[in-house]
Each structure stands twice: as C-alpha cells, then as structure tokens.
C-alpha cells in the first residue's frame, strides 16, 4: 500500500458530498466508528471538508489500495468488526459485483474537525 499526497492525484470522479451517503455509514462516522471509506474513484482530496448532519470532517489522506490488500484494521476503520463483515456489506450494496482482490479502490481517510 502506497500512501499518496496531493501530488499527481487523478481528477475527481465525484464530489465530496457523495463520499458517505448510506444512512448507516453516516451514523458510523458521526459516532466515530468509521474513519475511512473506499470508493472506485476520487471523491475528495486531502484537506477538503465533508459535512454530515452539520458536523465537519476533514479528509486527511487519499491513497490507492487493492481489495486484496485490505486488513482487519482497514475494516475497523470502515466501521465493521471484521473484514468479512465489511465484504458482505459491500456485496449487499452492489449485488452483481464480485469481490475481486486485484480491484483497485481509493481510500479516503478522514477525522472530525475540532472547533
């Protein structure tokens, strides 16, 4: 896994407002249980602010990772107890998508903005 800074990042494929949209995931972020999300494109760059129910979260890091590189710790950052639980949740959201270990995703890590 190679962490990237904001040099040589690709163009966004979506906006930060679409980064976390599933109701259960929004709640996990608000509860401090979810501090990362994986997407098939870039939704936000480091330093950008995501607002969920009036609370601000700053994108701290953005890097590419394959699904096969995911660890149990990565699943916990996603708000799940185990990697298998995360995998099943993703496959339930995308019924026809297979879990392909070589598939590359963009990891967006974020934290609550302290005011």
C-alpha atoms as a PDB file:
ATOM      1  CA  UNK A   1       0.000   0.000   0.000  1.00  0.00           C
ATOM      2  CA  UNK A   2       1.446   3.331  -1.030  1.00  0.00           C
ATOM      3  CA  UNK A   3       0.089   6.446   0.588  1.00  0.00           C
ATOM      4  CA  UNK A   4      -0.050   9.414  -1.714  1.00  0.00           C
ATOM      5  CA  UNK A   5      -0.054  13.083  -1.010  1.00  0.00           C
ATOM      6  CA  UNK A   6      -1.931  15.521  -3.212  1.00  0.00           C
ATOM      7  CA  UNK A   7       0.749  15.446  -5.946  1.00  0.00           C
ATOM      8  CA  UNK A   8      -0.152  13.558  -9.126  1.00  0.00           C
ATOM      9  CA  UNK A   9      -3.617  12.555  -7.959  1.00  0.00           C
ATOM     10  CA  UNK A  10      -6.213  11.902 -10.648  1.00  0.00           C
ATOM     11  CA  UNK A  11      -9.172  14.162 -11.336  1.00  0.00           C
ATOM     12  CA  UNK A  12     -12.204  13.656  -9.118  1.00  0.00           C
ATOM     13  CA  UNK A  13     -14.842  11.279 -10.406  1.00  0.00           C
ATOM     14  CA  UNK A  14     -17.478  12.521  -7.959  1.00  0.00           C
ATOM     15  CA  UNK A  15     -17.944  15.219  -5.316  1.00  0.00           C
ATOM     16  CA  UNK A  16     -17.224  15.104  -1.599  1.00  0.00           C
ATOM     17  CA  UNK A  17     -20.963  15.309  -0.891  1.00  0.00           C
ATOM     18  CA  UNK A  18     -21.282  11.765  -2.269  1.00  0.00           C
ATOM     19  CA  UNK A  19     -18.384  10.331  -0.224  1.00  0.00           C
ATOM     20  CA  UNK A  20     -20.525   8.929   2.618  1.00  0.00           C
ATOM     21  CA  UNK A  21     -24.232   8.658   1.819  1.00  0.00           C
ATOM     22  CA  UNK A  22     -25.554   5.357   3.214  1.00  0.00           C
ATOM     23  CA  UNK A  23     -27.565   6.189   6.340  1.00  0.00           C
ATOM     24  CA  UNK A  24     -25.842   3.532   8.473  1.00  0.00           C
ATOM     25  CA  UNK A  25     -22.405   4.733   7.351  1.00  0.00           C
ATOM     26  CA  UNK A  26     -23.270   8.364   8.112  1.00  0.00           C
ATOM     27  CA  UNK A  27     -24.214   7.257  11.629  1.00  0.00           C
ATOM     28  CA  UNK A  28     -20.942   5.305  11.973  1.00  0.00           C
ATOM     29  CA  UNK A  29     -18.983   8.447  11.016  1.00  0.00           C
ATOM     30  CA  UNK A  30     -20.950  10.609  13.447  1.00  0.00           C
ATOM     31  CA  UNK A  31     -20.345   8.022  16.212  1.00  0.00           C
ATOM     32  CA  UNK A  32     -16.597   7.975  15.491  1.00  0.00           C
ATOM     33  CA  UNK A  33     -16.734   4.324  14.383  1.00  0.00           C
ATOM     34  CA  UNK A  34     -15.929   4.997  10.705  1.00  0.00           C
ATOM     35  CA  UNK A  35     -12.820   6.985   9.769  1.00  0.00           C
ATOM     36  CA  UNK A  36     -12.281   5.811   6.187  1.00  0.00           C
ATOM     37  CA  UNK A  37     -14.254   4.929   3.103  1.00  0.00           C
ATOM     38  CA  UNK A  38     -13.258   3.188  -0.093  1.00  0.00           C
ATOM     39  CA  UNK A  39     -14.577   4.247  -3.472  1.00  0.00           C
ATOM     40  CA  UNK A  40     -13.815   3.241  -7.039  1.00  0.00           C
ATOM     41  CA  UNK A  41     -12.890   6.850  -7.806  1.00  0.00           C
ATOM     42  CA  UNK A  42     -11.612  10.006  -6.159  1.00  0.00           C
ATOM     43  CA  UNK A  43     -14.379  11.872  -4.317  1.00  0.00           C
ATOM     44  CA  UNK A  44     -12.242  14.275  -2.247  1.00  0.00           C
ATOM     45  CA  UNK A  45      -8.679  15.444  -1.844  1.00  0.00           C
ATOM     46  CA  UNK A  46      -6.769  15.793   1.443  1.00  0.00           C
ATOM     47  CA  UNK A  47      -7.761  18.978   3.220  1.00  0.00           C
ATOM     48  CA  UNK A  48     -11.331  19.052   1.901  1.00  0.00           C
ATOM     49  CA  UNK A  49     -14.200  19.209   4.384  1.00  0.00           C
ATOM     50  CA  UNK A  50     -17.150  16.818   4.367  1.00  0.00           C
ATOM     51  CA  UNK A  51     -20.275  17.920   6.255  1.00  0.00           C
ATOM     52  CA  UNK A  52     -22.591  15.280   7.733  1.00  0.00           C
ATOM     53  CA  UNK A  53     -25.639  16.459   9.689  1.00  0.00           C
ATOM     54  CA  UNK A  54     -23.906  19.790  10.374  1.00  0.00           C
ATOM     55  CA  UNK A  55     -20.666  18.222  11.635  1.00  0.00           C
ATOM     56  CA  UNK A  56     -17.415  18.708   9.731  1.00  0.00           C
ATOM     57  CA  UNK A  57     -14.881  16.026   8.850  1.00  0.00           C
ATOM     58  CA  UNK A  58     -11.561  16.732   7.150  1.00  0.00           C
ATOM     59  CA  UNK A  59     -10.098  14.367   4.569  1.00  0.00           C
ATOM     60  CA  UNK A  60      -6.663  13.530   5.979  1.00  0.00           C
ATOM     61  CA  UNK A  61      -5.343  11.091   3.389  1.00  0.00           C
ATOM     62  CA  UNK A  62      -6.095   9.673  -0.042  1.00  0.00           C
ATOM     63  CA  UNK A  63      -4.361   6.628  -1.494  1.00  0.00           C
ATOM     64  CA  UNK A  64      -4.924   3.652  -3.753  1.00  0.00           C
ATOM     65  CA  UNK A  65      -5.309   0.140  -2.378  1.00  0.00           C
ATOM     66  CA  UNK A  66      -6.486  -3.170  -3.797  1.00  0.00           C
ATOM     67  CA  UNK A  67      -9.318  -5.036  -2.110  1.00  0.00           C
ATOM     68  CA  UNK A  68      -6.882  -7.893  -1.550  1.00  0.00           C
ATOM     69  CA  UNK A  69      -4.605  -5.584   0.466  1.00  0.00           C
ATOM     70  CA  UNK A  70      -7.360  -4.777   2.954  1.00  0.00           C
ATOM     71  CA  UNK A  71      -6.720  -5.842   6.541  1.00  0.00           C
ATOM     72  CA  UNK A  72      -8.904  -6.395   9.576  1.00  0.00           C
ATOM     73  CA  UNK A  73      -7.749  -2.937  10.776  1.00  0.00           C
ATOM     74  CA  UNK A  74      -8.902  -1.399   7.480  1.00  0.00           C
ATOM     75  CA  UNK A  75     -12.327  -2.985   8.001  1.00  0.00           C
ATOM     76  CA  UNK A  76     -12.473  -1.490  11.506  1.00  0.00           C
ATOM     77  CA  UNK A  77     -11.688   1.962  10.018  1.00  0.00           C
ATOM     78  CA  UNK A  78     -14.692   1.352   7.750  1.00  0.00           C
ATOM     79  CA  UNK A  79     -16.830   0.773  10.858  1.00  0.00           C
ATOM     80  CA  UNK A  80     -17.038  -3.037  10.718  1.00  0.00           C
ATOM     81  CA  UNK A  81     -15.921  -5.642  13.249  1.00  0.00           C
ATOM     82  CA  UNK A  82     -14.231  -7.864  10.659  1.00  0.00           C
ATOM     83  CA  UNK A  83     -13.061  -7.821   7.070  1.00  0.00           C
ATOM     84  CA  UNK A  84     -15.647 -10.473   6.236  1.00  0.00           C
ATOM     85  CA  UNK A  85     -18.451  -8.274   7.657  1.00  0.00           C
ATOM     86  CA  UNK A  86     -17.228  -5.360   5.516  1.00  0.00           C
ATOM     87  CA  UNK A  87     -17.009  -7.571   2.430  1.00  0.00           C
ATOM     88  CA  UNK A  88     -20.573  -8.858   2.921  1.00  0.00           C
ATOM     89  CA  UNK A  89     -21.891  -5.303   3.438  1.00  0.00           C
ATOM     90  CA  UNK A  90     -20.241  -4.090   0.207  1.00  0.00           C
ATOM     91  CA  UNK A  91     -21.514  -7.061  -1.783  1.00  0.00           C
ATOM     92  CA  UNK A  92     -25.031  -6.456  -0.407  1.00  0.00           C
ATOM     93  CA  UNK A  93     -24.861  -2.825  -1.628  1.00  0.00           C
ATOM     94  CA  UNK A  94     -23.636  -3.953  -5.058  1.00  0.00           C
ATOM     95  CA  UNK A  95     -25.476  -7.249  -5.711  1.00  0.00           C
ATOM     96  CA  UNK A  96     -23.868  -8.075  -9.057  1.00  0.00           C
ATOM     97  CA  UNK A  97     -20.344  -7.013  -8.117  1.00  0.00           C
ATOM     98  CA  UNK A  98     -17.872  -9.783  -7.364  1.00  0.00           C
ATOM     99  CA  UNK A  99     -15.172  -9.302  -4.728  1.00  0.00           C
ATOM    100  CA  UNK A 100     -12.042  -9.058  -6.862  1.00  0.00           C
ATOM    101  CA  UNK A 101      -8.856  -8.908  -4.760  1.00  0.00           C
ATOM    102  CA  UNK A 102      -6.947  -7.161  -7.571  1.00  0.00           C
ATOM    103  CA  UNK A 103      -9.576  -4.406  -7.881  1.00  0.00           C
ATOM    104  CA  UNK A 104      -8.070  -1.041  -7.020  1.00  0.00           C
ATOM    105  CA  UNK A 105     -10.032   1.451  -4.911  1.00  0.00           C
ATOM    106  CA  UNK A 106      -9.305   4.898  -3.493  1.00  0.00           C
ATOM    107  CA  UNK A 107      -9.142   5.100   0.291  1.00  0.00           C
ATOM    108  CA  UNK A 108     -10.339   8.384   1.769  1.00  0.00           C
ATOM    109  CA  UNK A 109      -9.343   8.733   5.445  1.00  0.00           C
ATOM    110  CA  UNK A 110     -10.998  11.476   7.486  1.00  0.00           C
ATOM    111  CA  UNK A 111     -11.339  12.845  11.000  1.00  0.00           C
ATOM    112  CA  UNK A 112     -13.705  15.125  12.878  1.00  0.00           C
ATOM    113  CA  UNK A 113     -12.840  18.816  12.757  1.00  0.00           C
ATOM    114  CA  UNK A 114     -12.308  20.084  16.286  1.00  0.00           C
ATOM    115  CA  UNK A 115     -13.762  23.537  16.866  1.00  0.00           C
END
